């Protein structure tokens, strides 16, 4: 049953002052006003909070329980008011996040470590897994999803950027092996591909006119780790199809160049998603703010 905060504050003051008269002096109220407030509180709660005699005032068992919880609640409220007065907003507790392995390592982990450093009482758990988890069932506060979202009626989503796959190689490899002018030219080049369940997946490409193409690479090297494929490409061993966010810096500094630049995969959205709840914890809101403020600019080529 909800009670007025001011009445609870009066109750706590009476307990700590030892009697109604001393509490009234501290609160700048009459003894009668304090007594009536306690009587109304007891009526709302349906219990007696004090054992009263002509000379002493002591707590009942119910009063002791109510005091202990009320004291903690008022302390938390005072702390919150103090933080607001200081212009500080601090998150506490455990923040659990799920993200794809490689994307999480490169982009999500640094941002969440930074968030944890900004909030000393916040504990951050980042679970890196390429499977789609159930946030509510698995107990996560938020997750990063790459690709078209499934039915998310029970989730809220905010787009962070886009993901696409690009053909790339080093200038040294292309000088040694010759230029690539058409998709057919790929068959005469060394390619490095990602196998899935023991099978090579086709490279699904789209040109500037939105025409779709599917190329099955005749791969010399097959590696089931995108970072390993990237390192192999950087060592001048061939052409690969890699996420744009993975080779962002290398395209900028020229250590990698895009092959057949008019072709790329379709764009897939990158979202942060979280459970649809009546109340969003501060830790979750601050994590989402961190992601939507910083990540979009990091993902732009």
Protein backbone atom coordinates (compact mmCIF):
# COMPACT_ATOMS: atom_id res chain seq x y z
CA UNK A 1 0.00 0.00 0.00
CA UNK A 2 1.43 3.33 -1.03
CA UNK A 3 2.17 5.88 1.71
CA UNK A 4 3.19 9.49 1.51
CA UNK A 5 6.93 10.05 1.53
CA UNK A 6 6.65 12.93 3.99
CA UNK A 7 4.79 10.72 6.48
CA UNK A 8 7.50 8.05 6.23
CA UNK A 9 10.12 10.73 6.84
CA UNK A 10 8.24 11.81 9.97
CA UNK A 11 8.07 8.19 11.16
CA UNK A 12 11.84 7.72 10.73
CA UNK A 13 12.52 10.98 12.56
CA UNK A 14 10.33 9.88 15.52
CA UNK A 15 12.19 6.58 15.78
CA UNK A 16 15.60 8.24 15.70
CA UNK A 17 14.57 11.12 18.02
CA UNK A 18 13.16 8.71 20.61
CA UNK A 19 9.80 10.42 21.14
CA UNK A 20 7.21 12.62 19.50
CA UNK A 21 8.29 15.84 21.26
CA UNK A 22 11.92 15.72 20.12
CA UNK A 23 10.86 14.73 16.60
CA UNK A 24 8.42 17.68 16.50
CA UNK A 25 11.24 20.07 17.44
CA UNK A 26 13.50 18.72 14.69
CA UNK A 27 10.72 18.87 12.09
CA UNK A 28 9.43 22.29 13.22
CA UNK A 29 5.96 20.80 13.71
CA UNK A 30 3.65 20.56 16.69
CA UNK A 31 3.63 17.38 18.75
CA UNK A 32 -0.01 16.93 17.79
CA UNK A 33 0.80 17.11 14.04
CA UNK A 34 3.50 14.46 14.42
CA UNK A 35 1.20 12.19 16.43
CA UNK A 36 -1.60 12.50 13.85
CA UNK A 37 0.82 11.68 11.00
CA UNK A 38 1.91 8.49 12.75
CA UNK A 39 -1.70 7.56 13.46
CA UNK A 40 -2.61 8.00 9.77
CA UNK A 41 0.41 5.91 8.74
CA UNK A 42 -0.58 3.10 11.11
CA UNK A 43 -4.13 3.22 9.79
CA UNK A 44 -2.94 2.92 6.17
CA UNK A 45 -0.60 0.04 6.99
CA UNK A 46 -3.08 -1.71 9.25
CA UNK A 47 -0.50 -2.32 12.00
CA UNK A 48 0.76 -0.65 15.17
CA UNK A 49 4.26 0.72 14.69
CA UNK A 50 4.90 1.81 18.28
CA UNK A 51 4.33 0.45 21.77
CA UNK A 52 3.19 3.49 23.74
CA UNK A 53 3.25 3.98 27.51
CA UNK A 54 3.06 7.21 29.50
CA UNK A 55 6.86 7.36 29.70
CA UNK A 56 8.33 5.29 26.88
CA UNK A 57 7.99 4.81 23.16
CA UNK A 58 9.36 1.71 21.47
CA UNK A 59 8.90 -0.05 18.16
CA UNK A 60 6.76 -3.11 17.62
CA UNK A 61 8.19 -5.94 15.52
CA UNK A 62 6.26 -4.56 12.54
CA UNK A 63 7.56 -1.08 13.33
CA UNK A 64 11.15 -2.34 13.44
CA UNK A 65 10.78 -4.00 10.03
CA UNK A 66 9.13 -0.92 8.53
CA UNK A 67 11.81 1.37 9.99
CA UNK A 68 14.71 -0.65 8.59
CA UNK A 69 13.30 -0.55 5.04
CA UNK A 70 12.14 3.07 5.31
CA UNK A 71 15.57 4.19 6.50
CA UNK A 72 17.26 2.52 3.52
CA UNK A 73 14.71 3.97 1.10
CA UNK A 74 15.20 7.51 2.41
CA UNK A 75 18.97 7.09 2.22
CA UNK A 76 18.71 6.05 -1.43
CA UNK A 77 16.46 9.01 -2.19
CA UNK A 78 18.85 11.42 -0.48
CA UNK A 79 21.76 9.92 -2.44
CA UNK A 80 19.87 10.33 -5.70
CA UNK A 81 19.04 13.95 -4.89
CA UNK A 82 22.68 14.61 -4.01
CA UNK A 83 23.88 13.14 -7.32
CA UNK A 84 21.39 15.27 -9.23
CA UNK A 85 22.53 18.36 -7.34
CA UNK A 86 26.11 17.56 -8.34
CA UNK A 87 25.09 17.03 -11.97
CA UNK A 88 26.22 13.38 -11.80
CA UNK A 89 24.19 10.45 -13.08
CA UNK A 90 25.68 7.13 -12.04
CA UNK A 91 24.55 3.65 -13.01
CA UNK A 92 24.84 0.67 -10.68
CA UNK A 93 24.34 -3.09 -10.82
CA UNK A 94 25.11 -5.67 -13.50
CA UNK A 95 24.64 -4.78 -17.18
CA UNK A 96 24.45 -7.88 -19.44
CA UNK A 97 24.97 -7.45 -23.20
CA UNK A 98 25.03 -9.98 -26.06
CA UNK A 99 26.84 -9.25 -29.33
CA UNK A 100 28.25 -11.11 -32.37
CA UNK A 101 31.78 -12.31 -31.65
CA UNK A 102 33.95 -10.28 -34.02
CA UNK A 103 31.79 -7.15 -34.14
CA UNK A 104 31.55 -7.25 -30.37
CA UNK A 105 35.31 -7.53 -29.95
CA UNK A 106 36.06 -4.61 -32.23
CA UNK A 107 33.25 -2.18 -31.53
CA UNK A 108 31.05 -3.08 -28.56
CA UNK A 109 33.68 -4.11 -26.00
CA UNK A 110 35.61 -0.80 -26.12
CA UNK A 111 32.44 1.25 -25.72
CA UNK A 112 31.14 -0.83 -22.83
CA UNK A 113 34.52 -0.80 -21.06
CA UNK A 114 34.47 2.99 -21.40
CA UNK A 115 30.95 3.06 -19.92
CA UNK A 116 32.07 0.91 -17.01
CA UNK A 117 34.97 3.26 -16.33
CA UNK A 118 32.57 6.22 -16.26
CA UNK A 119 30.38 4.47 -13.66
CA UNK A 120 32.43 2.87 -10.86
CA UNK A 121 29.44 0.99 -9.38
CA UNK A 122 28.43 -0.55 -12.72
CA UNK A 123 29.49 -4.11 -13.54
CA UNK A 124 29.51 -5.00 -17.26
CA UNK A 125 29.17 -8.51 -18.69
CA UNK A 126 29.61 -8.77 -22.47
CA UNK A 127 28.70 -12.17 -23.93
CA UNK A 128 30.12 -12.70 -27.43
CA UNK A 129 28.16 -15.29 -29.40
CA UNK A 130 26.99 -15.49 -33.01
CA UNK A 131 23.70 -17.19 -32.11
CA UNK A 132 20.51 -15.19 -31.59
CA UNK A 133 19.68 -15.25 -27.90
CA UNK A 134 16.36 -14.69 -26.15
CA UNK A 135 16.98 -11.55 -24.10
CA UNK A 136 14.28 -12.16 -21.52
CA UNK A 137 14.79 -15.91 -21.11
CA UNK A 138 18.59 -15.61 -21.02
CA UNK A 139 18.55 -12.56 -18.76
CA UNK A 140 20.22 -9.95 -20.99
CA UNK A 141 19.59 -6.21 -20.82
CA UNK A 142 20.32 -5.59 -24.49
CA UNK A 143 21.80 -7.20 -27.60
CA UNK A 144 23.42 -6.22 -30.88
CA UNK A 145 21.84 -7.78 -33.98
CA UNK A 146 23.21 -7.70 -37.54
CA UNK A 147 20.74 -8.38 -40.33
CA UNK A 148 17.00 -8.15 -40.80
CA UNK A 149 15.21 -8.45 -37.48
CA UNK A 150 12.72 -11.21 -36.90
CA UNK A 151 9.43 -10.49 -35.17
CA UNK A 152 10.33 -8.07 -32.39
CA UNK A 153 6.92 -7.27 -30.90
CA UNK A 154 8.42 -7.95 -27.48
CA UNK A 155 11.56 -5.90 -28.22
CA UNK A 156 12.46 -2.30 -28.95
CA UNK A 157 15.15 -1.66 -31.59
CA UNK A 158 17.32 1.30 -32.57
CA UNK A 159 19.36 1.25 -35.75
CA UNK A 160 23.08 1.89 -35.27
CA UNK A 161 24.33 1.60 -38.85
CA UNK A 162 24.63 -0.74 -41.80
CA UNK A 163 26.67 -3.82 -42.63
CA UNK A 164 27.75 -4.85 -46.12
CA UNK A 165 30.35 -7.17 -47.59
CA UNK A 166 33.08 -5.92 -49.94
CA UNK A 167 35.58 -7.63 -52.24
CA UNK A 168 39.09 -6.53 -51.32
CA UNK A 169 42.79 -7.24 -51.85
CA UNK A 170 46.13 -5.52 -51.36
CA UNK A 171 47.64 -3.33 -54.08
CA UNK A 172 50.69 -5.61 -54.01
CA UNK A 173 48.61 -8.70 -54.78
CA UNK A 174 46.80 -6.98 -57.66
CA UNK A 175 50.08 -5.70 -59.14
CA UNK A 176 51.45 -9.25 -59.03
CA UNK A 177 48.34 -11.10 -60.22
CA UNK A 178 46.74 -8.59 -62.53
CA UNK A 179 43.62 -6.40 -62.39
CA UNK A 180 40.05 -7.59 -61.95
CA UNK A 181 37.61 -6.03 -64.42
CA UNK A 182 34.64 -8.46 -64.30
CA UNK A 183 33.16 -11.03 -61.96
CA UNK A 184 34.39 -13.76 -64.31
CA UNK A 185 37.96 -12.54 -63.74
CA UNK A 186 37.69 -13.75 -60.14
CA UNK A 187 37.99 -17.36 -61.37
CA UNK A 188 41.59 -16.76 -62.43
CA UNK A 189 42.57 -15.18 -59.11
CA UNK A 190 43.40 -16.66 -55.74
CA UNK A 191 40.43 -16.24 -53.44
CA UNK A 192 40.07 -16.69 -49.70
CA UNK A 193 36.66 -17.75 -48.41
CA UNK A 194 34.70 -18.54 -45.29
CA UNK A 195 33.29 -22.10 -45.13
CA UNK A 196 30.02 -22.71 -43.31
CA UNK A 197 29.14 -26.23 -42.11
CA UNK A 198 31.79 -27.64 -44.42
CA UNK A 199 30.53 -25.84 -47.54
CA UNK A 200 31.65 -22.69 -49.28
CA UNK A 201 28.97 -20.03 -49.34
CA UNK A 202 28.35 -18.00 -52.46
CA UNK A 203 29.30 -14.35 -52.50
CA UNK A 204 26.04 -12.49 -53.01
CA UNK A 205 26.75 -9.22 -54.79
CA UNK A 206 24.76 -6.34 -56.18
CA UNK A 207 25.80 -3.75 -58.75
CA UNK A 208 24.95 -0.06 -58.91
CA UNK A 209 21.71 -0.91 -60.72
CA UNK A 210 20.59 -3.27 -57.91
CA UNK A 211 21.17 -6.30 -60.15
CA UNK A 212 21.93 -9.37 -58.02
CA UNK A 213 24.78 -11.82 -58.68
CA UNK A 214 25.90 -14.97 -56.89
CA UNK A 215 29.55 -15.97 -57.22
CA UNK A 216 30.91 -19.20 -55.83
CA UNK A 217 34.62 -18.59 -55.22
CA UNK A 218 37.12 -21.21 -56.32
CA UNK A 219 38.87 -20.75 -53.01
CA UNK A 220 42.47 -21.77 -52.46
CA UNK A 221 42.27 -20.89 -48.75
CA UNK A 222 39.24 -21.58 -46.56
CA UNK A 223 39.27 -20.10 -43.07
CA UNK A 224 36.35 -20.06 -40.65
CA UNK A 225 37.45 -16.84 -38.97
CA UNK A 226 37.04 -13.40 -40.54
CA UNK A 227 40.07 -11.97 -38.76
CA UNK A 228 42.21 -14.80 -40.11
CA UNK A 229 40.88 -14.13 -43.62
CA UNK A 230 41.71 -10.45 -43.22
CA UNK A 231 45.28 -11.22 -42.11
CA UNK A 232 45.71 -13.58 -45.06
CA UNK A 233 44.53 -10.89 -47.48
CA UNK A 234 46.86 -8.34 -45.89
CA UNK A 235 49.72 -10.79 -46.43
CA UNK A 236 49.04 -10.44 -50.20
CA UNK A 237 47.65 -13.96 -50.64
CA UNK A 238 44.47 -13.20 -52.55
CA UNK A 239 41.01 -11.64 -52.76
CA UNK A 240 38.36 -11.97 -50.06
CA UNK A 241 34.80 -10.88 -49.28
CA UNK A 242 34.82 -9.12 -45.91
CA UNK A 243 32.56 -6.89 -43.78
CA UNK A 244 33.11 -3.20 -44.43
CA UNK A 245 33.41 -2.47 -40.69
CA UNK A 246 36.25 -5.02 -40.43
CA UNK A 247 38.40 -3.41 -43.14
CA UNK A 248 37.38 0.21 -42.52
CA UNK A 249 40.84 1.41 -41.43
CA UNK A 250 42.74 -0.57 -44.08
CA UNK A 251 40.62 0.92 -46.88
CA UNK A 252 41.34 4.39 -45.51
CA UNK A 253 45.10 3.93 -45.22
CA UNK A 254 45.37 2.13 -48.59
CA UNK A 255 46.72 -1.17 -47.30
CA UNK A 256 43.59 -2.71 -48.84
CA UNK A 257 41.63 -1.61 -51.90
CA UNK A 258 38.16 -2.56 -52.96
CA UNK A 259 38.04 -4.96 -55.88
CA UNK A 260 35.22 -4.42 -58.38
CA UNK A 261 34.11 -1.37 -56.42
CA UNK A 262 30.79 -1.20 -58.22
CA UNK A 263 29.82 -4.48 -56.54
CA UNK A 264 29.01 -5.08 -52.90
CA UNK A 265 26.49 -7.06 -50.92
CA UNK A 266 23.13 -5.57 -50.08
CA UNK A 267 23.07 -3.45 -46.94
CA UNK A 268 22.03 -5.18 -43.73
CA UNK A 269 21.03 -3.09 -40.70
CA UNK A 270 22.83 -3.20 -37.37
CA UNK A 271 20.49 -2.72 -34.39
CA UNK A 272 20.66 -2.55 -30.64
CA UNK A 273 17.59 -4.27 -29.17
CA UNK A 274 16.23 -4.49 -25.64
CA UNK A 275 13.13 -5.95 -23.95
CA UNK A 276 9.93 -3.93 -24.05
CA UNK A 277 9.50 -3.09 -20.35
CA UNK A 278 7.38 -0.57 -18.48
CA UNK A 279 10.54 0.68 -16.76
CA UNK A 280 13.98 0.97 -18.34
CA UNK A 281 16.84 0.76 -15.81
CA UNK A 282 19.29 3.65 -15.88
CA UNK A 283 22.19 1.29 -16.73
CA UNK A 284 20.37 0.14 -19.88
CA UNK A 285 19.48 3.66 -21.00
CA UNK A 286 23.07 4.87 -20.54
CA UNK A 287 24.43 1.90 -22.52
CA UNK A 288 22.00 2.56 -25.38
CA UNK A 289 22.89 6.27 -25.35
CA UNK A 290 26.58 5.36 -25.54
CA UNK A 291 25.98 3.10 -28.53
CA UNK A 292 23.75 5.44 -30.56
CA UNK A 293 25.98 8.46 -29.85
CA UNK A 294 29.34 6.95 -30.85
CA UNK A 295 28.91 3.83 -32.96
CA UNK A 296 27.20 5.28 -36.09
CA UNK A 297 30.17 7.56 -36.85
CA UNK A 298 32.60 4.68 -36.33
CA UNK A 299 30.79 2.54 -38.88
CA UNK A 300 30.82 5.09 -41.69
CA UNK A 301 33.41 4.43 -44.41
